[in-house]
Amino acid sequence: MVRWAMHSLLWTERFDVEPEPVVKKAKALGFDGIEIYVSPAQIGTFKKAKVMRALQDARLGCIGCTC
């Protein structure tokens, strides 16, 4: 089965600050998940628990990426 996700940089630079609006938009558009960009400088301070709560509430999956 093909699963479709949107990339977090389409709508926000720092996904973990306020993830709820982006999660709701992705869900409303029919995506199965979100590819979340975390810059190398953010890795130590990224609010994983906040992001995971928003994703779980919307029943969306995720994958992280950095460069």
PDB file of N, CA and C in Angstrom:
ATOM      1  N   MET A   1       0.846  -1.179   0.000  1.00  0.00           N
ATOM      2  CA  MET A   1       0.000   0.000   0.000  1.00  0.00           C
ATOM      3  C   MET A   1       0.898   1.252   0.000  1.00  0.00           C
ATOM      4  N   VAL A   2       0.542   2.185  -0.808  1.00  0.00           N
ATOM      5  CA  VAL A   2       1.262   3.454  -0.849  1.00  0.00           C
ATOM      6  C   VAL A   2       0.750   4.341   0.273  1.00  0.00           C
ATOM      7  N   ARG A   3       1.685   4.941   1.015  1.00  0.00           N
ATOM      8  CA  ARG A   3       1.324   5.889   2.068  1.00  0.00           C
ATOM      9  C   ARG A   3       1.876   7.246   1.664  1.00  0.00           C
ATOM     10  N   TRP A   4       1.098   8.293   1.869  1.00  0.00           N
ATOM     11  CA  TRP A   4       1.483   9.638   1.464  1.00  0.00           C
ATOM     12  C   TRP A   4       1.734  10.519   2.674  1.00  0.00           C
ATOM     13  N   ALA A   5       2.817  11.263   2.597  1.00  0.00           N
ATOM     14  CA  ALA A   5       3.171  12.186   3.684  1.00  0.00           C
ATOM     15  C   ALA A   5       3.549  13.537   3.084  1.00  0.00           C
ATOM     16  N   MET A   6       3.403  14.573   3.880  1.00  0.00           N
ATOM     17  CA  MET A   6       3.868  15.893   3.467  1.00  0.00           C
ATOM     18  C   MET A   6       5.120  16.210   4.265  1.00  0.00           C
ATOM     19  N   HIS A   7       5.943  17.101   3.746  1.00  0.00           N
ATOM     20  CA  HIS A   7       7.168  17.496   4.426  1.00  0.00           C
ATOM     21  C   HIS A   7       6.889  18.720   5.287  1.00  0.00           C
ATOM     22  N   SER A   8       7.344  18.702   6.511  1.00  0.00           N
ATOM     23  CA  SER A   8       7.047  19.790   7.458  1.00  0.00           C
ATOM     24  C   SER A   8       7.529  21.156   6.982  1.00  0.00           C
ATOM     25  N   LEU A   9       8.599  21.202   6.198  1.00  0.00           N
ATOM     26  CA  LEU A   9       9.106  22.496   5.729  1.00  0.00           C
ATOM     27  C   LEU A   9       8.168  23.188   4.744  1.00  0.00           C
ATOM     28  N   LEU A  10       7.161  22.471   4.259  1.00  0.00           N
ATOM     29  CA  LEU A  10       6.176  23.125   3.398  1.00  0.00           C
ATOM     30  C   LEU A  10       5.408  24.202   4.148  1.00  0.00           C
ATOM     31  N   TRP A  11       5.191  23.991   5.454  1.00  0.00           N
ATOM     32  CA  TRP A  11       4.337  24.894   6.210  1.00  0.00           C
ATOM     33  C   TRP A  11       4.978  25.531   7.435  1.00  0.00           C
ATOM     34  N   THR A  12       6.115  25.052   7.874  1.00  0.00           N
ATOM     35  CA  THR A  12       6.741  25.635   9.060  1.00  0.00           C
ATOM     36  C   THR A  12       8.230  25.309   9.086  1.00  0.00           C
ATOM     37  N   GLU A  13       9.004  26.199   9.671  1.00  0.00           N
ATOM     38  CA  GLU A  13      10.443  25.971   9.786  1.00  0.00           C
ATOM     39  C   GLU A  13      10.783  25.150  11.023  1.00  0.00           C
ATOM     40  N   ARG A  14      10.083  25.424  12.108  1.00  0.00           N
ATOM     41  CA  ARG A  14      10.331  24.723  13.376  1.00  0.00           C
ATOM     42  C   ARG A  14       9.056  23.989  13.781  1.00  0.00           C
ATOM     43  N   PHE A  15       8.951  22.724  13.390  1.00  0.00           N
ATOM     44  CA  PHE A  15       7.728  21.944  13.546  1.00  0.00           C
ATOM     45  C   PHE A  15       7.308  21.743  14.997  1.00  0.00           C
ATOM     46  N   ASP A  16       8.257  21.649  15.915  1.00  0.00           N
ATOM     47  CA  ASP A  16       7.928  21.280  17.289  1.00  0.00           C
ATOM     48  C   ASP A  16       7.391  22.423  18.135  1.00  0.00           C
ATOM     49  N   VAL A  17       7.420  23.656  17.650  1.00  0.00           N
ATOM     50  CA  VAL A  17       6.930  24.793  18.444  1.00  0.00           C
ATOM     51  C   VAL A  17       5.407  24.752  18.536  1.00  0.00           C
ATOM     52  N   GLU A  18       4.736  24.657  17.402  1.00  0.00           N
ATOM     53  CA  GLU A  18       3.274  24.534  17.365  1.00  0.00           C
ATOM     54  C   GLU A  18       2.895  23.506  16.304  1.00  0.00           C
ATOM     55  N   PRO A  19       3.001  22.230  16.633  1.00  0.00           N
ATOM     56  CA  PRO A  19       2.737  21.201  15.620  1.00  0.00           C
ATOM     57  C   PRO A  19       1.261  21.017  15.272  1.00  0.00           C
ATOM     58  N   GLU A  20       0.367  21.373  16.170  1.00  0.00           N
ATOM     59  CA  GLU A  20      -1.053  21.073  15.982  1.00  0.00           C
ATOM     60  C   GLU A  20      -1.644  21.626  14.686  1.00  0.00           C
ATOM     61  N   PRO A  21      -1.431  22.908  14.328  1.00  0.00           N
ATOM     62  CA  PRO A  21      -2.027  23.415  13.082  1.00  0.00           C
ATOM     63  C   PRO A  21      -1.546  22.667  11.835  1.00  0.00           C
ATOM     64  N   VAL A  22      -0.268  22.313  11.801  1.00  0.00           N
ATOM     65  CA  VAL A  22       0.273  21.598  10.641  1.00  0.00           C
ATOM     66  C   VAL A  22      -0.279  20.178  10.608  1.00  0.00           C
ATOM     67  N   VAL A  23      -0.360  19.532  11.756  1.00  0.00           N
ATOM     68  CA  VAL A  23      -0.906  18.174  11.832  1.00  0.00           C
ATOM     69  C   VAL A  23      -2.360  18.170  11.368  1.00  0.00           C
ATOM     70  N   LYS A  24      -3.132  19.124  11.824  1.00  0.00           N
ATOM     71  CA  LYS A  24      -4.546  19.197  11.427  1.00  0.00           C
ATOM     72  C   LYS A  24      -4.690  19.442   9.932  1.00  0.00           C
ATOM     73  N   LYS A  25      -3.838  20.286   9.372  1.00  0.00           N
ATOM     74  CA  LYS A  25      -3.887  20.566   7.941  1.00  0.00           C
ATOM     75  C   LYS A  25      -3.528  19.309   7.137  1.00  0.00           C
ATOM     76  N   ALA A  26      -2.488  18.608   7.564  1.00  0.00           N
ATOM     77  CA  ALA A  26      -2.083  17.379   6.869  1.00  0.00           C
ATOM     78  C   ALA A  26      -3.192  16.335   6.925  1.00  0.00           C
ATOM     79  N   LYS A  27      -3.817  16.184   8.073  1.00  0.00           N
ATOM     80  CA  LYS A  27      -4.908  15.222   8.236  1.00  0.00           C
ATOM     81  C   LYS A  27      -6.088  15.594   7.346  1.00  0.00           C
ATOM     82  N   ALA A  28      -6.448  16.877   7.337  1.00  0.00           N
ATOM     83  CA  ALA A  28      -7.576  17.338   6.535  1.00  0.00           C
ATOM     84  C   ALA A  28      -7.337  17.133   5.038  1.00  0.00           C
ATOM     85  N   LEU A  29      -6.088  17.206   4.614  1.00  0.00           N
ATOM     86  CA  LEU A  29      -5.752  17.018   3.203  1.00  0.00           C
ATOM     87  C   LEU A  29      -5.615  15.541   2.824  1.00  0.00           C
ATOM     88  N   GLY A  30      -5.740  14.651   3.807  1.00  0.00           N
ATOM     89  CA  GLY A  30      -5.737  13.219   3.528  1.00  0.00           C
ATOM     90  C   GLY A  30      -4.388  12.532   3.573  1.00  0.00           C
ATOM     91  N   PHE A  31      -3.370  13.198   4.107  1.00  0.00           N
ATOM     92  CA  PHE A  31      -2.056  12.563   4.215  1.00  0.00           C
ATOM     93  C   PHE A  31      -2.071  11.491   5.298  1.00  0.00           C
ATOM     94  N   ASP A  32      -1.164  10.516   5.169  1.00  0.00           N
ATOM     95  CA  ASP A  32      -1.020   9.443   6.154  1.00  0.00           C
ATOM     96  C   ASP A  32       0.012   9.784   7.219  1.00  0.00           C
ATOM     97  N   GLY A  33       0.849  10.778   6.941  1.00  0.00           N
ATOM     98  CA  GLY A  33       1.898  11.135   7.884  1.00  0.00           C
ATOM     99  C   GLY A  33       2.614  12.406   7.492  1.00  0.00           C
ATOM    100  N   ILE A  34       3.641  12.714   8.261  1.00  0.00           N
ATOM    101  CA  ILE A  34       4.431  13.922   8.048  1.00  0.00           C
ATOM    102  C   ILE A  34       5.910  13.551   8.137  1.00  0.00           C
ATOM    103  N   GLU A  35       6.686  14.050   7.187  1.00  0.00           N
ATOM    104  CA  GLU A  35       8.137  13.934   7.253  1.00  0.00           C
ATOM    105  C   GLU A  35       8.635  15.182   7.967  1.00  0.00           C
ATOM    106  N   ILE A  36       9.226  15.008   9.126  1.00  0.00           N
ATOM    107  CA  ILE A  36       9.589  16.136   9.983  1.00  0.00           C
ATOM    108  C   ILE A  36      11.076  16.435   9.861  1.00  0.00           C
ATOM    109  N   TYR A  37      11.366  17.648   9.437  1.00  0.00           N
ATOM    110  CA  TYR A  37      12.758  18.095   9.353  1.00  0.00           C
ATOM    111  C   TYR A  37      13.202  18.648  10.701  1.00  0.00           C
ATOM    112  N   VAL A  38      14.355  18.193  11.165  1.00  0.00           N
ATOM    113  CA  VAL A  38      14.979  18.715  12.379  1.00  0.00           C
ATOM    114  C   VAL A  38      16.404  19.104  12.005  1.00  0.00           C
ATOM    115  N   SER A  39      16.718  20.383  12.137  1.00  0.00           N
ATOM    116  CA  SER A  39      18.073  20.819  11.801  1.00  0.00           C
ATOM    117  C   SER A  39      19.057  20.245  12.820  1.00  0.00           C
ATOM    118  N   PRO A  40      20.313  20.087  12.439  1.00  0.00           N
ATOM    119  CA  PRO A  40      21.297  19.569  13.388  1.00  0.00           C
ATOM    120  C   PRO A  40      21.347  20.379  14.687  1.00  0.00           C
ATOM    121  N   ALA A  41      21.146  21.680  14.606  1.00  0.00           N
ATOM    122  CA  ALA A  41      21.167  22.527  15.812  1.00  0.00           C
ATOM    123  C   ALA A  41      19.966  22.274  16.722  1.00  0.00           C
ATOM    124  N   GLN A  42      18.874  21.742  16.185  1.00  0.00           N
ATOM    125  CA  GLN A  42      17.651  21.511  16.966  1.00  0.00           C
ATOM    126  C   GLN A  42      17.579  20.121  17.600  1.00  0.00           C
ATOM    127  N   ILE A  43      18.441  19.218  17.207  1.00  0.00           N
ATOM    128  CA  ILE A  43      18.309  17.824  17.641  1.00  0.00           C
ATOM    129  C   ILE A  43      18.250  17.695  19.163  1.00  0.00           C
ATOM    130  N   GLY A  44      19.050  18.429  19.881  1.00  0.00           N
ATOM    131  CA  GLY A  44      19.068  18.328  21.342  1.00  0.00           C
ATOM    132  C   GLY A  44      17.898  18.995  22.042  1.00  0.00           C
ATOM    133  N   THR A  45      17.192  19.900  21.364  1.00  0.00           N
ATOM    134  CA  THR A  45      16.106  20.640  22.012  1.00  0.00           C
ATOM    135  C   THR A  45      14.738  20.375  21.393  1.00  0.00           C
ATOM    136  N   PHE A  46      14.686  19.517  20.382  1.00  0.00           N
ATOM    137  CA  PHE A  46      13.422  19.232  19.702  1.00  0.00           C
ATOM    138  C   PHE A  46      12.435  18.620  20.683  1.00  0.00           C
ATOM    139  N   LYS A  47      11.219  19.147  20.723  1.00  0.00           N
ATOM    140  CA  LYS A  47      10.189  18.712  21.682  1.00  0.00           C
ATOM    141  C   LYS A  47       9.434  17.491  21.139  1.00  0.00           C
ATOM    142  N   LYS A  48      10.066  16.325  21.255  1.00  0.00           N
ATOM    143  CA  LYS A  48       9.506  15.096  20.691  1.00  0.00           C
ATOM    144  C   LYS A  48       8.162  14.728  21.299  1.00  0.00           C
ATOM    145  N   ALA A  49       8.014  14.850  22.598  1.00  0.00           N
ATOM    146  CA  ALA A  49       6.769  14.440  23.252  1.00  0.00           C
ATOM    147  C   ALA A  49       5.589  15.281  22.762  1.00  0.00           C
ATOM    148  N   LYS A  50       5.798  16.571  22.606  1.00  0.00           N
ATOM    149  CA  LYS A  50       4.736  17.464  22.123  1.00  0.00           C
ATOM    150  C   LYS A  50       4.315  17.082  20.706  1.00  0.00           C
ATOM    151  N   VAL A  51       5.288  16.805  19.868  1.00  0.00           N
ATOM    152  CA  VAL A  51       5.018  16.416  18.481  1.00  0.00           C
ATOM    153  C   VAL A  51       4.303  15.072  18.433  1.00  0.00           C
ATOM    154  N   MET A  52       4.772  14.105  19.193  1.00  0.00           N
ATOM    155  CA  MET A  52       4.163  12.776  19.196  1.00  0.00           C
ATOM    156  C   MET A  52       2.711  12.813  19.669  1.00  0.00           C
ATOM    157  N   ARG A  53       2.412  13.635  20.675  1.00  0.00           N
ATOM    158  CA  ARG A  53       1.023  13.771  21.132  1.00  0.00           C
ATOM    159  C   ARG A  53       0.124  14.267  20.005  1.00  0.00           C
ATOM    160  N   ALA A  54       0.565  15.305  19.301  1.00  0.00           N
ATOM    161  CA  ALA A  54      -0.228  15.865  18.207  1.00  0.00           C
ATOM    162  C   ALA A  54      -0.440  14.834  17.101  1.00  0.00           C
ATOM    163  N   LEU A  55       0.620  14.093  16.758  1.00  0.00           N
ATOM    164  CA  LEU A  55       0.502  13.076  15.718  1.00  0.00           C
ATOM    165  C   LEU A  55      -0.404  11.927  16.143  1.00  0.00           C
ATOM    166  N   GLN A  56      -0.279  11.483  17.374  1.00  0.00           N
ATOM    167  CA  GLN A  56      -1.119  10.395  17.862  1.00  0.00           C
ATOM    168  C   GLN A  56      -2.583  10.805  17.915  1.00  0.00           C
ATOM    169  N   ASP A  57      -2.853  12.029  18.356  1.00  0.00           N
ATOM    170  CA  ASP A  57      -4.236  12.518  18.402  1.00  0.00           C
ATOM    171  C   ASP A  57      -4.879  12.505  17.015  1.00  0.00           C
ATOM    172  N   ALA A  58      -4.093  12.797  15.987  1.00  0.00           N
ATOM    173  CA  ALA A  58      -4.595  12.829  14.612  1.00  0.00           C
ATOM    174  C   ALA A  58      -4.444  11.490  13.894  1.00  0.00           C
ATOM    175  N   ARG A  59      -3.829  10.512  14.566  1.00  0.00           N
ATOM    176  CA  ARG A  59      -3.582   9.198  13.972  1.00  0.00           C
ATOM    177  C   ARG A  59      -2.753   9.308  12.685  1.00  0.00           C
ATOM    178  N   LEU A  60      -1.690  10.104  12.773  1.00  0.00           N
ATOM    179  CA  LEU A  60      -0.771  10.263  11.664  1.00  0.00           C
ATOM    180  C   LEU A  60       0.585   9.658  12.034  1.00  0.00           C
ATOM    181  N   GLY A  61       1.263   9.104  11.060  1.00  0.00           N
ATOM    182  CA  GLY A  61       2.599   8.594  11.258  1.00  0.00           C
ATOM    183  C   GLY A  61       3.625   9.680  10.990  1.00  0.00           C
ATOM    184  N   CYS A  62       4.878   9.361  11.239  1.00  0.00           N
ATOM    185  CA  CYS A  62       5.925  10.349  10.961  1.00  0.00           C
ATOM    186  C   CYS A  62       7.250   9.649  10.690  1.00  0.00           C
ATOM    187  N   ILE A  63       8.099  10.390  10.063  1.00  0.00           N
ATOM    188  CA  ILE A  63       9.498  10.008   9.874  1.00  0.00           C
ATOM    189  C   ILE A  63      10.304  11.279  10.025  1.00  0.00           C
ATOM    190  N   GLY A  64      11.469  11.183  10.614  1.00  0.00           N
ATOM    191  CA  GLY A  64      12.312  12.362  10.784  1.00  0.00           C
ATOM    192  C   GLY A  64      13.416  12.407   9.749  1.00  0.00           C
ATOM    193  N   CYS A  65      13.872  13.621   9.464  1.00  0.00           N
ATOM    194  CA  CYS A  65      15.001  13.767   8.556  1.00  0.00           C
ATOM    195  C   CYS A  65      15.830  14.968   8.982  1.00  0.00           C
ATOM    196  N   THR A  66      17.082  14.941   8.620  1.00  0.00           N
ATOM    197  CA  THR A  66      17.992  16.062   8.873  1.00  0.00           C
ATOM    198  C   THR A  66      19.033  16.037   7.761  1.00  0.00           C
ATOM    199  N   CYS A  67      19.922  16.996   7.778  1.00  0.00           N
ATOM    200  CA  CYS A  67      20.991  16.997   6.771  1.00  0.00           C
ATOM    201  C   CYS A  67      22.243  17.597   7.345  1.00  0.00           C
TER     202      CYS A  67
END
